[in-house]
Amino acid sequence: PASYAGPAPPPPRADRFAFRLPAPPIGGALLFALRYRVTGHEFWDNNGGRDYALRGPEHPGSGGNPEPQGWIHFI
């Protein structure tokens, strides 16, 4: 599950959420969609039918360093 991470700096007006995803293996990918439930309603975002993708490194040692404050903005 995601946790609320506070409002994003304007513009645009948006909220931020933090979550952890497993790292995909070398040459692999993790495809995902987002679900948001609030006040009895459920909303889905699947990147226009293409799913969001987190891709693993192409070769061993090519993964780079993650951004500790990094986040992806979904609208």
Foldseek 3Di string as FASTA:
>chain_A
DWAWPAWDPDPPTDTDIDDDDDADDAAAKDFAKDWDDDPHDIDIGQPVPVTDIHGHHNDPPPRDDDDPPDDDDDD
